[in-house]
């Protein structure tokens, strides 16, 4: 549903939301990457892009680090998603070469529209505040990488089909 850049950006911003205290706590790119089991150089690059977009503030050097540029309740997932993903307004049907809905919709049409509507709702209505609340108020903690029996972190990618 979205690229590795978007996944890393949301993971990095969600970590900053978890520790958000008005800008006092400023984890480094390394600390953010390690807390999410992500590649350090890639997280640093993503944080720079988030900073250029005005979503994150960074201070270099000793004692520096990153914080959200505004409160988590004012940053929606779409604000991050739109930095890395191209908005696709096409109505091309995956079933055939034409545009779905011109005459009869394809067999997948209603399901695809439902998935797209749900994704749009999630992106537009969800703020980073949900991560702050989960971490600071509800005490939820991410499972550290390597803590799973198979050594992998959980993801929400579509399951591979069992043929």
Protein backbone atom coordinates (compact mmCIF):
# COMPACT_ATOMS: atom_id res chain seq x y z
CA UNK A 1 0.00 0.00 0.00
CA UNK A 2 2.97 2.29 0.48
CA UNK A 3 6.70 2.41 -0.06
CA UNK A 4 9.58 1.64 2.27
CA UNK A 5 10.23 5.39 2.52
CA UNK A 6 6.70 6.03 3.75
CA UNK A 7 6.87 3.12 6.19
CA UNK A 8 10.16 4.41 7.59
CA UNK A 9 8.87 7.99 7.79
CA UNK A 10 5.75 6.95 9.70
CA UNK A 11 7.80 4.68 11.99
CA UNK A 12 10.28 7.50 12.71
CA UNK A 13 7.60 10.14 13.27
CA UNK A 14 5.61 7.75 15.45
CA UNK A 15 8.67 7.29 17.68
CA UNK A 16 8.98 11.06 18.01
CA UNK A 17 5.29 11.21 18.91
CA UNK A 18 5.76 8.53 21.58
CA UNK A 19 8.36 10.63 23.41
CA UNK A 20 6.84 14.01 22.59
CA UNK A 21 7.07 16.41 25.52
CA UNK A 22 7.08 19.76 23.77
CA UNK A 23 10.60 19.38 22.41
CA UNK A 24 12.59 18.62 25.57
CA UNK A 25 13.33 15.01 24.59
CA UNK A 26 15.26 14.83 21.32
CA UNK A 27 16.30 11.31 20.31
CA UNK A 28 19.04 10.97 17.71
CA UNK A 29 18.47 9.41 14.30
CA UNK A 30 20.44 6.41 15.58
CA UNK A 31 18.21 6.02 18.63
CA UNK A 32 15.08 6.29 16.49
CA UNK A 33 16.38 3.74 13.99
CA UNK A 34 17.42 1.32 16.73
CA UNK A 35 14.07 1.63 18.51
CA UNK A 36 12.26 0.62 15.34
CA UNK A 37 14.74 -1.91 13.95
CA UNK A 38 15.45 0.26 10.91
CA UNK A 39 18.61 1.12 9.00
CA UNK A 40 20.35 4.11 10.58
CA UNK A 41 21.44 5.96 7.39
CA UNK A 42 17.98 5.57 5.86
CA UNK A 43 16.27 6.95 8.99
CA UNK A 44 18.67 9.92 8.99
CA UNK A 45 17.78 10.64 5.35
CA UNK A 46 14.04 10.35 6.06
CA UNK A 47 14.30 12.64 9.10
CA UNK A 48 16.01 15.26 6.92
CA UNK A 49 13.12 15.07 4.47
CA UNK A 50 10.57 15.35 7.29
CA UNK A 51 12.50 18.34 8.62
CA UNK A 52 12.49 20.05 5.22
CA UNK A 53 8.71 19.55 5.12
CA UNK A 54 8.31 21.25 8.50
CA UNK A 55 7.09 18.16 10.35
CA UNK A 56 10.27 17.53 12.36
CA UNK A 57 12.87 19.83 13.92
CA UNK A 58 16.44 18.70 14.25
CA UNK A 59 19.45 19.98 16.16
CA UNK A 60 22.92 18.78 15.14
CA UNK A 61 25.79 17.87 17.40
CA UNK A 62 26.11 16.72 20.99
CA UNK A 63 22.86 17.21 22.85
CA UNK A 64 21.05 17.52 19.55
CA UNK A 65 18.45 15.26 18.09
CA UNK A 66 14.95 15.37 16.65
CA UNK A 67 11.50 16.35 17.83
CA UNK A 68 8.18 16.93 16.14
CA UNK A 69 7.86 20.49 14.85
CA UNK A 70 4.29 20.67 16.14
CA UNK A 71 2.17 18.68 18.57
CA UNK A 72 1.37 15.10 17.48
CA UNK A 73 -2.36 15.86 17.33
CA UNK A 74 -1.64 18.35 14.54
CA UNK A 75 0.23 15.90 12.27
CA UNK A 76 -1.94 13.52 10.25
CA UNK A 77 -0.60 10.42 8.54
CA UNK A 78 -1.52 11.98 5.18
CA UNK A 79 0.97 14.80 5.93
CA UNK A 80 3.73 12.19 5.95
CA UNK A 81 2.31 9.88 3.29
CA UNK A 82 1.95 12.68 0.74
CA UNK A 83 5.68 13.50 0.96
CA UNK A 84 6.66 10.09 -0.38
CA UNK A 85 3.70 8.77 -2.35
CA UNK A 86 2.28 9.95 -5.64
CA UNK A 87 -1.44 10.55 -5.50
CA UNK A 88 -3.10 8.25 -8.00
CA UNK A 89 -6.35 9.64 -9.37
CA UNK A 90 -6.61 7.18 -12.22
CA UNK A 91 -9.61 4.94 -12.63
CA UNK A 92 -7.71 2.27 -14.53
CA UNK A 93 -9.12 -1.14 -13.90
CA UNK A 94 -6.71 -3.95 -12.98
CA UNK A 95 -9.08 -6.42 -14.65
CA UNK A 96 -8.70 -5.08 -18.16
CA UNK A 97 -7.32 -2.31 -20.34
CA UNK A 98 -10.16 0.18 -19.90
CA UNK A 99 -11.38 2.42 -17.16
CA UNK A 100 -13.55 0.64 -14.65
CA UNK A 101 -17.06 1.97 -14.36
CA UNK A 102 -17.37 3.19 -17.96
CA UNK A 103 -19.91 0.47 -18.57
CA UNK A 104 -19.99 -2.51 -16.23
CA UNK A 105 -17.57 -2.52 -13.29
CA UNK A 106 -15.03 -5.31 -13.05
CA UNK A 107 -15.47 -8.08 -10.46
CA UNK A 108 -13.02 -6.32 -8.11
CA UNK A 109 -14.39 -2.79 -8.46
CA UNK A 110 -16.46 -2.54 -5.27
CA UNK A 111 -13.78 -4.21 -3.15
CA UNK A 112 -11.03 -1.95 -4.52
CA UNK A 113 -13.13 1.16 -3.92
CA UNK A 114 -13.79 -0.02 -0.35
CA UNK A 115 -10.08 -0.58 0.32
CA UNK A 116 -9.17 2.83 -1.14
CA UNK A 117 -11.87 4.57 0.92
CA UNK A 118 -10.65 2.87 4.11
CA UNK A 119 -7.05 3.86 3.37
CA UNK A 120 -8.06 7.47 2.66
CA UNK A 121 -10.02 7.61 5.90
CA UNK A 122 -7.10 6.17 7.89
CA UNK A 123 -4.60 8.63 6.39
CA UNK A 124 -6.79 11.72 6.77
CA UNK A 125 -8.27 11.00 10.20
CA UNK A 126 -5.33 9.46 12.08
CA UNK A 127 -2.84 11.74 13.78
CA UNK A 128 0.43 10.97 15.51
CA UNK A 129 -1.40 11.64 18.77
CA UNK A 130 -2.54 8.02 18.79
CA UNK A 131 1.11 6.95 19.18
CA UNK A 132 1.73 9.46 21.99
CA UNK A 133 -1.36 8.29 23.88
CA UNK A 134 -0.56 4.60 23.39
CA UNK A 135 3.00 5.03 24.68
CA UNK A 136 2.66 7.69 27.37
CA UNK A 137 -0.83 7.08 28.72
CA UNK A 138 -1.58 3.44 27.98
CA UNK A 139 1.94 2.10 28.51
CA UNK A 140 2.07 0.21 25.21
CA UNK A 141 5.59 -0.58 24.03
CA UNK A 142 6.82 -1.83 20.67
CA UNK A 143 8.22 -5.34 20.74
CA UNK A 144 12.00 -5.08 20.30
CA UNK A 145 13.55 -6.60 17.20
CA UNK A 146 14.67 -10.12 17.96
CA UNK A 147 12.07 -10.59 20.71
CA UNK A 148 9.84 -12.62 18.40
CA UNK A 149 10.46 -16.38 18.35
CA UNK A 150 11.33 -16.25 14.65
CA UNK A 151 13.56 -13.16 15.10
CA UNK A 152 11.44 -10.97 12.80
CA UNK A 153 9.48 -7.89 13.68
CA UNK A 154 5.76 -7.83 13.00
CA UNK A 155 4.51 -6.06 9.90
CA UNK A 156 1.15 -5.33 8.41
CA UNK A 157 2.03 -6.33 4.87
CA UNK A 158 -0.44 -8.56 3.08
CA UNK A 159 0.05 -12.21 3.85
CA UNK A 160 1.62 -14.36 1.17
CA UNK A 161 -0.86 -16.72 -0.38
CA UNK A 162 -0.71 -20.35 0.63
CA UNK A 163 -0.89 -22.36 -2.59
